[in-house]
């Protein structure tokens, strides 16, 4: 993994930190929104209470849909990906990004030979309130 800049680490999830937390600590986000799958003719299915843990220091985003490698971090975005598997074979990529200010999150699964994504998750993520 590329070494992340101090600025990237310090500016992680401006919307989700309180002043007493460590800037490098993993952040848990609660996400809701919708998903669709072009192969199965599924459209606008609701997603509720999906948890994502973003760990800049470890270079990963994890949740119920697997563990993703963080590929790039900017002041405004976190980009991540992992292989897309079918029947135990890698056939493409799952890529996503989280807007660190608004919490808008997009995750797309694509097969290598197809131009359009198969499955898309469009989510709004935020720090759960305790």
C-alpha atoms as a PDB file:
ATOM      1  CA  UNK A   1       0.000   0.000   0.000  1.00  0.00           C
ATOM      2  CA  UNK A   2       1.167   3.519  -0.732  1.00  0.00           C
ATOM      3  CA  UNK A   3       2.223   5.402   2.374  1.00  0.00           C
ATOM      4  CA  UNK A   4      -0.591   7.780   3.283  1.00  0.00           C
ATOM      5  CA  UNK A   5       0.200  11.412   3.872  1.00  0.00           C
ATOM      6  CA  UNK A   6      -0.140  12.963   7.306  1.00  0.00           C
ATOM      7  CA  UNK A   7      -2.715  15.352   5.880  1.00  0.00           C
ATOM      8  CA  UNK A   8      -4.816  12.419   4.641  1.00  0.00           C
ATOM      9  CA  UNK A   9      -4.646  10.751   8.055  1.00  0.00           C
ATOM     10  CA  UNK A  10      -5.463  13.932   9.949  1.00  0.00           C
ATOM     11  CA  UNK A  11      -8.374  14.960   7.747  1.00  0.00           C
ATOM     12  CA  UNK A  12     -10.075  11.550   7.779  1.00  0.00           C
ATOM     13  CA  UNK A  13     -13.856  11.759   8.063  1.00  0.00           C
ATOM     14  CA  UNK A  14     -14.266  15.326   9.166  1.00  0.00           C
ATOM     15  CA  UNK A  15     -17.966  14.626   9.712  1.00  0.00           C
ATOM     16  CA  UNK A  16     -17.353  11.771  12.111  1.00  0.00           C
ATOM     17  CA  UNK A  17     -14.755  12.771  14.672  1.00  0.00           C
ATOM     18  CA  UNK A  18     -15.237  14.417  18.012  1.00  0.00           C
ATOM     19  CA  UNK A  19     -12.362  16.327  19.540  1.00  0.00           C
ATOM     20  CA  UNK A  20     -11.455  13.564  22.017  1.00  0.00           C
ATOM     21  CA  UNK A  21     -10.864  10.769  19.484  1.00  0.00           C
ATOM     22  CA  UNK A  22      -7.612   9.690  17.880  1.00  0.00           C
ATOM     23  CA  UNK A  23      -7.279  10.933  14.301  1.00  0.00           C
ATOM     24  CA  UNK A  24      -5.872   7.578  13.139  1.00  0.00           C
ATOM     25  CA  UNK A  25      -8.480   5.391  14.862  1.00  0.00           C
ATOM     26  CA  UNK A  26     -10.777   3.222  12.722  1.00  0.00           C
ATOM     27  CA  UNK A  27     -14.164   4.819  12.051  1.00  0.00           C
ATOM     28  CA  UNK A  28     -17.403   2.833  12.054  1.00  0.00           C
ATOM     29  CA  UNK A  29     -20.117   4.157   9.766  1.00  0.00           C
ATOM     30  CA  UNK A  30     -23.782   3.245   9.557  1.00  0.00           C
ATOM     31  CA  UNK A  31     -25.054   3.243   5.973  1.00  0.00           C
ATOM     32  CA  UNK A  32     -28.472   3.197   4.323  1.00  0.00           C
ATOM     33  CA  UNK A  33     -29.601   3.619   0.751  1.00  0.00           C
ATOM     34  CA  UNK A  34     -30.408   1.370  -2.189  1.00  0.00           C
ATOM     35  CA  UNK A  35     -28.851  -1.247  -4.461  1.00  0.00           C
ATOM     36  CA  UNK A  36     -29.595  -2.716  -7.875  1.00  0.00           C
ATOM     37  CA  UNK A  37     -28.378  -5.626  -9.982  1.00  0.00           C
ATOM     38  CA  UNK A  38     -28.625  -5.448 -13.776  1.00  0.00           C
ATOM     39  CA  UNK A  39     -28.289  -9.221 -14.303  1.00  0.00           C
ATOM     40  CA  UNK A  40     -31.120 -10.110 -11.927  1.00  0.00           C
ATOM     41  CA  UNK A  41     -33.405  -7.162 -12.804  1.00  0.00           C
ATOM     42  CA  UNK A  42     -33.311  -5.874  -9.223  1.00  0.00           C
ATOM     43  CA  UNK A  43     -33.880  -2.136  -8.927  1.00  0.00           C
ATOM     44  CA  UNK A  44     -33.848   0.265  -6.003  1.00  0.00           C
ATOM     45  CA  UNK A  45     -33.839  -2.346  -3.223  1.00  0.00           C
ATOM     46  CA  UNK A  46     -33.482  -0.672   0.170  1.00  0.00           C
ATOM     47  CA  UNK A  47     -30.355  -1.073   2.301  1.00  0.00           C
ATOM     48  CA  UNK A  48     -30.613  -0.391   6.043  1.00  0.00           C
ATOM     49  CA  UNK A  49     -28.119  -0.538   8.884  1.00  0.00           C
ATOM     50  CA  UNK A  50     -25.116  -1.625   6.810  1.00  0.00           C
ATOM     51  CA  UNK A  51     -21.958  -1.095   8.872  1.00  0.00           C
ATOM     52  CA  UNK A  52     -18.624  -0.151   7.324  1.00  0.00           C
ATOM     53  CA  UNK A  53     -15.394   0.196   9.254  1.00  0.00           C
ATOM     54  CA  UNK A  54     -12.815   2.441   7.624  1.00  0.00           C
ATOM     55  CA  UNK A  55      -9.274   2.004   8.904  1.00  0.00           C
ATOM     56  CA  UNK A  56      -6.902   4.390   7.147  1.00  0.00           C
ATOM     57  CA  UNK A  57      -3.895   3.193   9.154  1.00  0.00           C
ATOM     58  CA  UNK A  58      -4.488  -0.476   8.194  1.00  0.00           C
ATOM     59  CA  UNK A  59      -5.451   0.483   4.626  1.00  0.00           C
ATOM     60  CA  UNK A  60      -8.811  -1.268   4.594  1.00  0.00           C
ATOM     61  CA  UNK A  61     -12.567  -0.825   4.529  1.00  0.00           C
ATOM     62  CA  UNK A  62     -14.527  -3.748   5.925  1.00  0.00           C
ATOM     63  CA  UNK A  63     -18.162  -4.665   6.303  1.00  0.00           C
ATOM     64  CA  UNK A  64     -20.666  -7.396   5.643  1.00  0.00           C
ATOM     65  CA  UNK A  65     -19.691  -7.492   1.947  1.00  0.00           C
ATOM     66  CA  UNK A  66     -16.034  -8.230   2.616  1.00  0.00           C
ATOM     67  CA  UNK A  67     -12.739  -6.507   3.163  1.00  0.00           C
ATOM     68  CA  UNK A  68     -11.584  -3.913   0.656  1.00  0.00           C
ATOM     69  CA  UNK A  69      -8.091  -2.499   0.165  1.00  0.00           C
ATOM     70  CA  UNK A  70      -7.888   1.295   0.319  1.00  0.00           C
ATOM     71  CA  UNK A  71      -6.267   2.316  -2.955  1.00  0.00           C
ATOM     72  CA  UNK A  72      -6.218   6.104  -2.677  1.00  0.00           C
ATOM     73  CA  UNK A  73      -7.049   8.763  -0.108  1.00  0.00           C
ATOM     74  CA  UNK A  74      -7.600  12.459  -0.741  1.00  0.00           C
ATOM     75  CA  UNK A  75      -8.838  15.228   1.521  1.00  0.00           C
ATOM     76  CA  UNK A  76     -12.365  14.568   0.261  1.00  0.00           C
ATOM     77  CA  UNK A  77     -12.510  10.888  -0.731  1.00  0.00           C
ATOM     78  CA  UNK A  78     -11.478   7.356   0.233  1.00  0.00           C
ATOM     79  CA  UNK A  79     -11.231   4.914  -2.703  1.00  0.00           C
ATOM     80  CA  UNK A  80     -11.212   1.152  -2.181  1.00  0.00           C
ATOM     81  CA  UNK A  81     -11.451  -2.128  -4.125  1.00  0.00           C
ATOM     82  CA  UNK A  82     -11.316  -5.915  -3.940  1.00  0.00           C
ATOM     83  CA  UNK A  83     -11.581  -8.759  -6.467  1.00  0.00           C
ATOM     84  CA  UNK A  84     -15.055  -9.773  -7.658  1.00  0.00           C
ATOM     85  CA  UNK A  85     -15.533 -13.535  -7.483  1.00  0.00           C
ATOM     86  CA  UNK A  86     -18.078 -15.908  -8.988  1.00  0.00           C
ATOM     87  CA  UNK A  87     -17.944 -19.652  -8.245  1.00  0.00           C
ATOM     88  CA  UNK A  88     -14.549 -19.217  -6.575  1.00  0.00           C
ATOM     89  CA  UNK A  89     -12.955 -17.504  -9.610  1.00  0.00           C
ATOM     90  CA  UNK A  90     -11.912 -13.859  -9.824  1.00  0.00           C
ATOM     91  CA  UNK A  91     -13.875 -12.383 -12.729  1.00  0.00           C
ATOM     92  CA  UNK A  92     -13.665  -8.650 -12.063  1.00  0.00           C
ATOM     93  CA  UNK A  93     -13.429  -5.935  -9.436  1.00  0.00           C
ATOM     94  CA  UNK A  94     -15.590  -4.386  -6.752  1.00  0.00           C
ATOM     95  CA  UNK A  95     -14.693  -0.713  -6.457  1.00  0.00           C
ATOM     96  CA  UNK A  96     -16.041   2.041  -4.303  1.00  0.00           C
ATOM     97  CA  UNK A  97     -15.528   5.413  -2.754  1.00  0.00           C
ATOM     98  CA  UNK A  98     -16.712   7.316   0.281  1.00  0.00           C
ATOM     99  CA  UNK A  99     -17.035  11.080   0.320  1.00  0.00           C
ATOM    100  CA  UNK A 100     -15.391  12.006   3.611  1.00  0.00           C
ATOM    101  CA  UNK A 101     -17.418  15.181   4.048  1.00  0.00           C
ATOM    102  CA  UNK A 102     -20.929  14.192   2.948  1.00  0.00           C
ATOM    103  CA  UNK A 103     -20.810  10.435   3.637  1.00  0.00           C
ATOM    104  CA  UNK A 104     -22.094   9.612   0.152  1.00  0.00           C
ATOM    105  CA  UNK A 105     -20.833   6.148  -0.772  1.00  0.00           C
ATOM    106  CA  UNK A 106     -20.884   4.253  -4.062  1.00  0.00           C
ATOM    107  CA  UNK A 107     -19.838   0.615  -4.523  1.00  0.00           C
ATOM    108  CA  UNK A 108     -19.900  -1.100  -7.947  1.00  0.00           C
ATOM    109  CA  UNK A 109     -19.217  -4.724  -8.931  1.00  0.00           C
ATOM    110  CA  UNK A 110     -18.049  -5.257 -12.513  1.00  0.00           C
ATOM    111  CA  UNK A 111     -16.956  -8.234 -14.578  1.00  0.00           C
ATOM    112  CA  UNK A 112     -13.739  -7.709 -16.555  1.00  0.00           C
ATOM    113  CA  UNK A 113     -15.390  -8.252 -19.946  1.00  0.00           C
ATOM    114  CA  UNK A 114     -18.376  -5.949 -19.330  1.00  0.00           C
ATOM    115  CA  UNK A 115     -18.408  -2.161 -19.430  1.00  0.00           C
ATOM    116  CA  UNK A 116     -21.376  -1.584 -17.116  1.00  0.00           C
ATOM    117  CA  UNK A 117     -21.424  -2.561 -13.448  1.00  0.00           C
ATOM    118  CA  UNK A 118     -23.474  -5.611 -12.444  1.00  0.00           C
ATOM    119  CA  UNK A 119     -24.333  -4.498  -8.920  1.00  0.00           C
ATOM    120  CA  UNK A 120     -24.391  -0.949  -7.580  1.00  0.00           C
ATOM    121  CA  UNK A 121     -24.853   0.237  -3.999  1.00  0.00           C
ATOM    122  CA  UNK A 122     -25.661   3.919  -3.531  1.00  0.00           C
ATOM    123  CA  UNK A 123     -25.473   4.724   0.173  1.00  0.00           C
ATOM    124  CA  UNK A 124     -25.453   7.544   2.656  1.00  0.00           C
ATOM    125  CA  UNK A 125     -23.078   6.785   5.536  1.00  0.00           C
ATOM    126  CA  UNK A 126     -22.581   8.530   8.847  1.00  0.00           C
ATOM    127  CA  UNK A 127     -21.181   7.937  12.277  1.00  0.00           C
ATOM    128  CA  UNK A 128     -23.845   6.206  14.405  1.00  0.00           C
ATOM    129  CA  UNK A 129     -25.100   8.384  17.251  1.00  0.00           C
ATOM    130  CA  UNK A 130     -24.708   6.896  20.713  1.00  0.00           C
END
